[in-house]
Amino acid sequence: MNKAIWSAWNKGDPRADNIFFGDFNTTGTGASGASRPSFATVLTAAQVTSYSISSAVGSEYASWVDAAYVV
C-alpha cells in the first residue's frame, strides 16, 4: 500500500470526518507488511459480515457500478 494515498486523509481534517476505512483480508504483493493509517480499521471475519456494497453506497449501485469489478 502506497502511503501517499493516505496523505490527504488525516484525523481532524473535516473532509475526512465521515469516512470509514475498513480493511479485511487484504492480500497480494503490496499488502505484506503494509502500514495502514491510524484511522483504518482492520475488520475481523465476524465484523465484515455486516457490510455490503449496498450498505456502503446504496441499494441502487447496480445501475452505476460495473459488476465485473465487484469482488
PDB file of N, CA and C in Angstrom:
ATOM      1  N   MET A   1       0.840  -1.177   0.000  1.00  0.00           N
ATOM      2  CA  MET A   1       0.000   0.000   0.000  1.00  0.00           C
ATOM      3  C   MET A   1       0.887   1.243   0.000  1.00  0.00           C
ATOM      4  N   ASN A   2       0.585   2.126  -0.874  1.00  0.00           N
ATOM      5  CA  ASN A   2       1.358   3.350  -1.020  1.00  0.00           C
ATOM      6  C   ASN A   2       0.915   4.375   0.027  1.00  0.00           C
ATOM      7  N   LYS A   3       1.828   4.782   0.911  1.00  0.00           N
ATOM      8  CA  LYS A   3       1.489   5.723   1.978  1.00  0.00           C
ATOM      9  C   LYS A   3       1.003   7.064   1.451  1.00  0.00           C
ATOM     10  N   ALA A   4       1.395   7.432   0.257  1.00  0.00           N
ATOM     11  CA  ALA A   4       0.956   8.703  -0.324  1.00  0.00           C
ATOM     12  C   ALA A   4      -0.564   8.750  -0.468  1.00  0.00           C
ATOM     13  N   ILE A   5      -1.183   7.591  -0.603  1.00  0.00           N
ATOM     14  CA  ILE A   5      -2.641   7.532  -0.728  1.00  0.00           C
ATOM     15  C   ILE A   5      -3.309   8.114   0.512  1.00  0.00           C
ATOM     16  N   TRP A   6      -2.721   7.894   1.663  1.00  0.00           N
ATOM     17  CA  TRP A   6      -3.332   8.322   2.917  1.00  0.00           C
ATOM     18  C   TRP A   6      -3.047   9.785   3.248  1.00  0.00           C
ATOM     19  N   SER A   7      -2.151  10.428   2.541  1.00  0.00           N
ATOM     20  CA  SER A   7      -1.716  11.764   2.926  1.00  0.00           C
ATOM     21  C   SER A   7      -2.851  12.787   2.955  1.00  0.00           C
ATOM     22  N   ALA A   8      -3.886  12.591   2.168  1.00  0.00           N
ATOM     23  CA  ALA A   8      -4.997  13.537   2.156  1.00  0.00           C
ATOM     24  C   ALA A   8      -6.015  13.251   3.255  1.00  0.00           C
ATOM     25  N   TRP A   9      -5.930  12.090   3.880  1.00  0.00           N
ATOM     26  CA  TRP A   9      -6.885  11.709   4.920  1.00  0.00           C
ATOM     27  C   TRP A   9      -6.181  11.756   6.260  1.00  0.00           C
ATOM     28  N   ASN A  10      -6.563  12.675   7.084  1.00  0.00           N
ATOM     29  CA  ASN A  10      -5.966  12.804   8.408  1.00  0.00           C
ATOM     30  C   ASN A  10      -7.062  13.015   9.438  1.00  0.00           C
ATOM     31  N   LYS A  11      -6.897  12.421  10.608  1.00  0.00           N
ATOM     32  CA  LYS A  11      -7.851  12.679  11.682  1.00  0.00           C
ATOM     33  C   LYS A  11      -7.864  14.171  11.948  1.00  0.00           C
ATOM     34  N   GLY A  12      -9.033  14.727  12.148  1.00  0.00           N
ATOM     35  CA  GLY A  12      -9.163  16.147  12.402  1.00  0.00           C
ATOM     36  C   GLY A  12      -9.393  16.964  11.144  1.00  0.00           C
ATOM     37  N   ASP A  13      -9.211  16.369   9.978  1.00  0.00           N
ATOM     38  CA  ASP A  13      -9.469  17.057   8.718  1.00  0.00           C
ATOM     39  C   ASP A  13     -10.967  16.944   8.441  1.00  0.00           C
ATOM     40  N   PRO A  14     -11.691  18.056   8.364  1.00  0.00           N
ATOM     41  CA  PRO A  14     -13.146  17.981   8.189  1.00  0.00           C
ATOM     42  C   PRO A  14     -13.577  17.258   6.916  1.00  0.00           C
ATOM     43  N   ARG A  15     -12.715  17.179   5.919  1.00  0.00           N
ATOM     44  CA  ARG A  15     -13.059  16.457   4.691  1.00  0.00           C
ATOM     45  C   ARG A  15     -13.117  14.957   4.929  1.00  0.00           C
ATOM     46  N   ALA A  16     -12.523  14.485   6.001  1.00  0.00           N
ATOM     47  CA  ALA A  16     -12.472  13.054   6.275  1.00  0.00           C
ATOM     48  C   ALA A  16     -13.325  12.664   7.483  1.00  0.00           C
ATOM     49  N   ASP A  17     -14.113  13.591   8.000  1.00  0.00           N
ATOM     50  CA  ASP A  17     -14.911  13.314   9.194  1.00  0.00           C
ATOM     51  C   ASP A  17     -15.885  12.151   9.040  1.00  0.00           C
ATOM     52  N   ASN A  18     -16.402  11.935   7.852  1.00  0.00           N
ATOM     53  CA  ASN A  18     -17.419  10.898   7.652  1.00  0.00           C
ATOM     54  C   ASN A  18     -16.914   9.713   6.841  1.00  0.00           C
ATOM     55  N   ILE A  19     -15.608   9.514   6.848  1.00  0.00           N
ATOM     56  CA  ILE A  19     -15.029   8.400   6.106  1.00  0.00           C
ATOM     57  C   ILE A  19     -14.772   7.232   7.055  1.00  0.00           C
ATOM     58  N   PHE A  20     -15.192   6.059   6.628  1.00  0.00           N
ATOM     59  CA  PHE A  20     -14.867   4.846   7.363  1.00  0.00           C
ATOM     60  C   PHE A  20     -14.023   3.996   6.437  1.00  0.00           C
ATOM     61  N   PHE A  21     -12.802   3.718   6.833  1.00  0.00           N
ATOM     62  CA  PHE A  21     -11.935   2.871   6.030  1.00  0.00           C
ATOM     63  C   PHE A  21     -11.785   1.551   6.749  1.00  0.00           C
ATOM     64  N   GLY A  22     -12.444   0.521   6.220  1.00  0.00           N
ATOM     65  CA  GLY A  22     -12.355  -0.810   6.786  1.00  0.00           C
ATOM     66  C   GLY A  22     -11.556  -1.708   5.865  1.00  0.00           C
ATOM     67  N   ASP A  23     -10.665  -2.445   6.427  1.00  0.00           N
ATOM     68  CA  ASP A  23      -9.785  -3.323   5.664  1.00  0.00           C
ATOM     69  C   ASP A  23     -10.008  -4.748   6.150  1.00  0.00           C
ATOM     70  N   PHE A  24     -10.189  -5.675   5.199  1.00  0.00           N
ATOM     71  CA  PHE A  24     -10.376  -7.071   5.578  1.00  0.00           C
ATOM     72  C   PHE A  24      -9.633  -7.979   4.631  1.00  0.00           C
ATOM     73  N   ASN A  25      -8.784  -8.794   5.172  1.00  0.00           N
ATOM     74  CA  ASN A  25      -8.140  -9.866   4.436  1.00  0.00           C
ATOM     75  C   ASN A  25      -7.414  -9.375   3.178  1.00  0.00           C
ATOM     76  N   THR A  26      -6.779  -8.221   3.282  1.00  0.00           N
ATOM     77  CA  THR A  26      -6.036  -7.686   2.152  1.00  0.00           C
ATOM     78  C   THR A  26      -4.816  -8.556   1.886  1.00  0.00           C
ATOM     79  N   THR A  27      -4.652  -8.978   0.648  1.00  0.00           N
ATOM     80  CA  THR A  27      -3.540  -9.849   0.275  1.00  0.00           C
ATOM     81  C   THR A  27      -2.846  -9.303  -0.960  1.00  0.00           C
ATOM     82  N   GLY A  28      -1.746  -9.895  -1.297  1.00  0.00           N
ATOM     83  CA  GLY A  28      -1.027  -9.520  -2.503  1.00  0.00           C
ATOM     84  C   GLY A  28       0.321  -8.926  -2.175  1.00  0.00           C
ATOM     85  N   THR A  29       1.075  -8.634  -3.203  1.00  0.00           N
ATOM     86  CA  THR A  29       2.438  -8.145  -3.061  1.00  0.00           C
ATOM     87  C   THR A  29       2.522  -6.892  -2.203  1.00  0.00           C
ATOM     88  N   GLY A  30       1.656  -5.931  -2.414  1.00  0.00           N
ATOM     89  CA  GLY A  30       1.714  -4.673  -1.682  1.00  0.00           C
ATOM     90  C   GLY A  30       1.156  -4.734  -0.274  1.00  0.00           C
ATOM     91  N   ALA A  31       0.464  -5.801   0.081  1.00  0.00           N
ATOM     92  CA  ALA A  31      -0.186  -5.885   1.382  1.00  0.00           C
ATOM     93  C   ALA A  31       0.711  -6.444   2.478  1.00  0.00           C
ATOM     94  N   SER A  32       1.686  -7.225   2.115  1.00  0.00           N
ATOM     95  CA  SER A  32       2.552  -7.840   3.105  1.00  0.00           C
ATOM     96  C   SER A  32       3.361  -6.781   3.845  1.00  0.00           C
ATOM     97  N   GLY A  33       3.171  -6.694   5.141  1.00  0.00           N
ATOM     98  CA  GLY A  33       3.891  -5.730   5.963  1.00  0.00           C
ATOM     99  C   GLY A  33       3.449  -4.297   5.766  1.00  0.00           C
ATOM    100  N   ALA A  34       2.298  -4.091   5.145  1.00  0.00           N
ATOM    101  CA  ALA A  34       1.818  -2.743   4.866  1.00  0.00           C
ATOM    102  C   ALA A  34       1.491  -1.997   6.149  1.00  0.00           C
ATOM    103  N   SER A  35       1.774  -0.723   6.142  1.00  0.00           N
ATOM    104  CA  SER A  35       1.373   0.099   7.283  1.00  0.00           C
ATOM    105  C   SER A  35       0.110   0.839   6.888  1.00  0.00           C
ATOM    106  N   ARG A  36      -0.878   0.726   7.720  1.00  0.00           N
ATOM    107  CA  ARG A  36      -2.151   1.373   7.455  1.00  0.00           C
ATOM    108  C   ARG A  36      -2.226   2.669   8.239  1.00  0.00           C
ATOM    109  N   PRO A  37      -3.034   3.603   7.788  1.00  0.00           N
ATOM    110  CA  PRO A  37      -3.160   4.860   8.518  1.00  0.00           C
ATOM    111  C   PRO A  37      -3.834   4.638   9.866  1.00  0.00           C
ATOM    112  N   SER A  38      -3.669   5.584  10.762  1.00  0.00           N
ATOM    113  CA  SER A  38      -4.217   5.437  12.114  1.00  0.00           C
ATOM    114  C   SER A  38      -5.733   5.343  12.121  1.00  0.00           C
ATOM    115  N   PHE A  39      -6.389   5.874  11.110  1.00  0.00           N
ATOM    116  CA  PHE A  39      -7.853   5.841  11.089  1.00  0.00           C
ATOM    117  C   PHE A  39      -8.411   4.569  10.455  1.00  0.00           C
ATOM    118  N   ALA A  40      -7.565   3.698   9.943  1.00  0.00           N
ATOM    119  CA  ALA A  40      -8.022   2.458   9.316  1.00  0.00           C
ATOM    120  C   ALA A  40      -8.450   1.458  10.379  1.00  0.00           C
ATOM    121  N   THR A  41      -9.484   0.721  10.074  1.00  0.00           N
ATOM    122  CA  THR A  41      -9.975  -0.326  10.956  1.00  0.00           C
ATOM    123  C   THR A  41      -9.796  -1.666  10.266  1.00  0.00           C
ATOM    124  N   VAL A  42      -9.023  -2.539  10.865  1.00  0.00           N
ATOM    125  CA  VAL A  42      -8.866  -3.882  10.320  1.00  0.00           C
ATOM    126  C   VAL A  42     -10.012  -4.717  10.882  1.00  0.00           C
ATOM    127  N   LEU A  43     -10.861  -5.181   9.997  1.00  0.00           N
ATOM    128  CA  LEU A  43     -12.064  -5.901  10.399  1.00  0.00           C
ATOM    129  C   LEU A  43     -11.810  -7.390  10.570  1.00  0.00           C
ATOM    130  N   THR A  44     -12.534  -7.979  11.512  1.00  0.00           N
ATOM    131  CA  THR A  44     -12.499  -9.428  11.693  1.00  0.00           C
ATOM    132  C   THR A  44     -13.516 -10.053  10.740  1.00  0.00           C
ATOM    133  N   ALA A  45     -13.448 -11.361  10.566  1.00  0.00           N
ATOM    134  CA  ALA A  45     -14.403 -12.067   9.708  1.00  0.00           C
ATOM    135  C   ALA A  45     -15.836 -11.862  10.208  1.00  0.00           C
ATOM    136  N   ALA A  46     -16.023 -11.819  11.510  1.00  0.00           N
ATOM    137  CA  ALA A  46     -17.365 -11.610  12.060  1.00  0.00           C
ATOM    138  C   ALA A  46     -17.862 -10.191  11.770  1.00  0.00           C
ATOM    139  N   GLN A  47     -16.983  -9.193  11.879  1.00  0.00           N
ATOM    140  CA  GLN A  47     -17.378  -7.805  11.637  1.00  0.00           C
ATOM    141  C   GLN A  47     -17.729  -7.553  10.170  1.00  0.00           C
ATOM    142  N   VAL A  48     -16.986  -8.168   9.275  1.00  0.00           N
ATOM    143  CA  VAL A  48     -17.162  -7.881   7.855  1.00  0.00           C
ATOM    144  C   VAL A  48     -18.524  -8.336   7.334  1.00  0.00           C
ATOM    145  N   THR A  49     -19.164  -9.268   7.994  1.00  0.00           N
ATOM    146  CA  THR A  49     -20.465  -9.752   7.526  1.00  0.00           C
ATOM    147  C   THR A  49     -21.552  -8.683   7.594  1.00  0.00           C
ATOM    148  N   SER A  50     -21.339  -7.632   8.384  1.00  0.00           N
ATOM    149  CA  SER A  50     -22.356  -6.584   8.479  1.00  0.00           C
ATOM    150  C   SER A  50     -22.216  -5.529   7.380  1.00  0.00           C
ATOM    151  N   TYR A  51     -21.229  -5.671   6.509  1.00  0.00           N
ATOM    152  CA  TYR A  51     -21.012  -4.705   5.443  1.00  0.00           C
ATOM    153  C   TYR A  51     -21.269  -5.341   4.083  1.00  0.00           C
ATOM    154  N   SER A  52     -21.821  -4.547   3.195  1.00  0.00           N
ATOM    155  CA  SER A  52     -22.038  -4.978   1.812  1.00  0.00           C
ATOM    156  C   SER A  52     -21.889  -3.750   0.931  1.00  0.00           C
ATOM    157  N   ILE A  53     -21.811  -3.967  -0.366  1.00  0.00           N
ATOM    158  CA  ILE A  53     -21.701  -2.819  -1.261  1.00  0.00           C
ATOM    159  C   ILE A  53     -22.943  -1.937  -1.154  1.00  0.00           C
ATOM    160  N   SER A  54     -24.108  -2.543  -0.996  1.00  0.00           N
ATOM    161  CA  SER A  54     -25.329  -1.736  -0.905  1.00  0.00           C
ATOM    162  C   SER A  54     -25.400  -0.947   0.398  1.00  0.00           C
ATOM    163  N   SER A  55     -24.835  -1.483   1.483  1.00  0.00           N
ATOM    164  CA  SER A  55     -24.844  -0.711   2.724  1.00  0.00           C
ATOM    165  C   SER A  55     -23.841   0.434   2.669  1.00  0.00           C
ATOM    166  N   ALA A  56     -22.859   0.320   1.792  1.00  0.00           N
ATOM    167  CA  ALA A  56     -21.852   1.371   1.670  1.00  0.00           C
ATOM    168  C   ALA A  56     -22.258   2.464   0.691  1.00  0.00           C
ATOM    169  N   VAL A  57     -22.829   2.082  -0.438  1.00  0.00           N
ATOM    170  CA  VAL A  57     -23.108   3.081  -1.474  1.00  0.00           C
ATOM    171  C   VAL A  57     -24.576   3.151  -1.893  1.00  0.00           C
ATOM    172  N   GLY A  58     -25.417   2.333  -1.311  1.00  0.00           N
ATOM    173  CA  GLY A  58     -26.839   2.373  -1.626  1.00  0.00           C
ATOM    174  C   GLY A  58     -27.281   1.186  -2.459  1.00  0.00           C
ATOM    175  N   SER A  59     -28.551   0.860  -2.340  1.00  0.00           N
ATOM    176  CA  SER A  59     -29.081  -0.338  -2.991  1.00  0.00           C
ATOM    177  C   SER A  59     -29.203  -0.199  -4.511  1.00  0.00           C
ATOM    178  N   GLU A  60     -29.101   1.006  -5.029  1.00  0.00           N
ATOM    179  CA  GLU A  60     -29.212   1.219  -6.471  1.00  0.00           C
ATOM    180  C   GLU A  60     -27.858   1.144  -7.175  1.00  0.00           C
ATOM    181  N   TYR A  61     -26.848   0.616  -6.477  1.00  0.00           N
ATOM    182  CA  TYR A  61     -25.491   0.614  -7.033  1.00  0.00           C
ATOM    183  C   TYR A  61     -25.394  -0.119  -8.381  1.00  0.00           C
ATOM    184  N   ALA A  62     -26.239  -1.102  -8.617  1.00  0.00           N
ATOM    185  CA  ALA A  62     -26.152  -1.901  -9.840  1.00  0.00           C
ATOM    186  C   ALA A  62     -26.395  -1.046 -11.097  1.00  0.00           C
ATOM    187  N   SER A  63     -27.041   0.104 -10.928  1.00  0.00           N
ATOM    188  CA  SER A  63     -27.300   0.956 -12.088  1.00  0.00           C
ATOM    189  C   SER A  63     -26.084   1.783 -12.503  1.00  0.00           C
ATOM    190  N   TRP A  64     -25.081   1.891 -11.612  1.00  0.00           N
ATOM    191  CA  TRP A  64     -23.906   2.707 -11.961  1.00  0.00           C
ATOM    192  C   TRP A  64     -22.564   2.043 -11.665  1.00  0.00           C
ATOM    193  N   VAL A  65     -22.573   0.819 -11.104  1.00  0.00           N
ATOM    194  CA  VAL A  65     -21.342   0.110 -10.827  1.00  0.00           C
ATOM    195  C   VAL A  65     -21.192  -1.040 -11.830  1.00  0.00           C
ATOM    196  N   ASP A  66     -20.046  -1.141 -12.441  1.00  0.00           N
ATOM    197  CA  ASP A  66     -19.761  -2.245 -13.362  1.00  0.00           C
ATOM    198  C   ASP A  66     -19.489  -3.497 -12.526  1.00  0.00           C
ATOM    199  N   ALA A  67     -20.410  -4.454 -12.561  1.00  0.00           N
ATOM    200  CA  ALA A  67     -20.335  -5.660 -11.745  1.00  0.00           C
ATOM    201  C   ALA A  67     -19.077  -6.492 -12.023  1.00  0.00           C
ATOM    202  N   ALA A  68     -18.453  -6.285 -13.156  1.00  0.00           N
ATOM    203  CA  ALA A  68     -17.232  -7.033 -13.478  1.00  0.00           C
ATOM    204  C   ALA A  68     -16.108  -6.692 -12.510  1.00  0.00           C
ATOM    205  N   TYR A  69     -16.196  -5.553 -11.827  1.00  0.00           N
ATOM    206  CA  TYR A  69     -15.142  -5.140 -10.909  1.00  0.00           C
ATOM    207  C   TYR A  69     -15.496  -5.383  -9.446  1.00  0.00           C
ATOM    208  N   VAL A  70     -16.667  -5.926  -9.178  1.00  0.00           N
ATOM    209  CA  VAL A  70     -17.087  -6.200  -7.804  1.00  0.00           C
ATOM    210  C   VAL A  70     -16.581  -7.577  -7.411  1.00  0.00           C
ATOM    211  N   VAL A  71     -15.838  -7.632  -6.319  1.00  0.00           N
ATOM    212  CA  VAL A  71     -15.255  -8.893  -5.872  1.00  0.00           C
ATOM    213  C   VAL A  71     -16.080  -9.450  -4.746  1.00  0.00           C
TER     214      VAL A  71
END
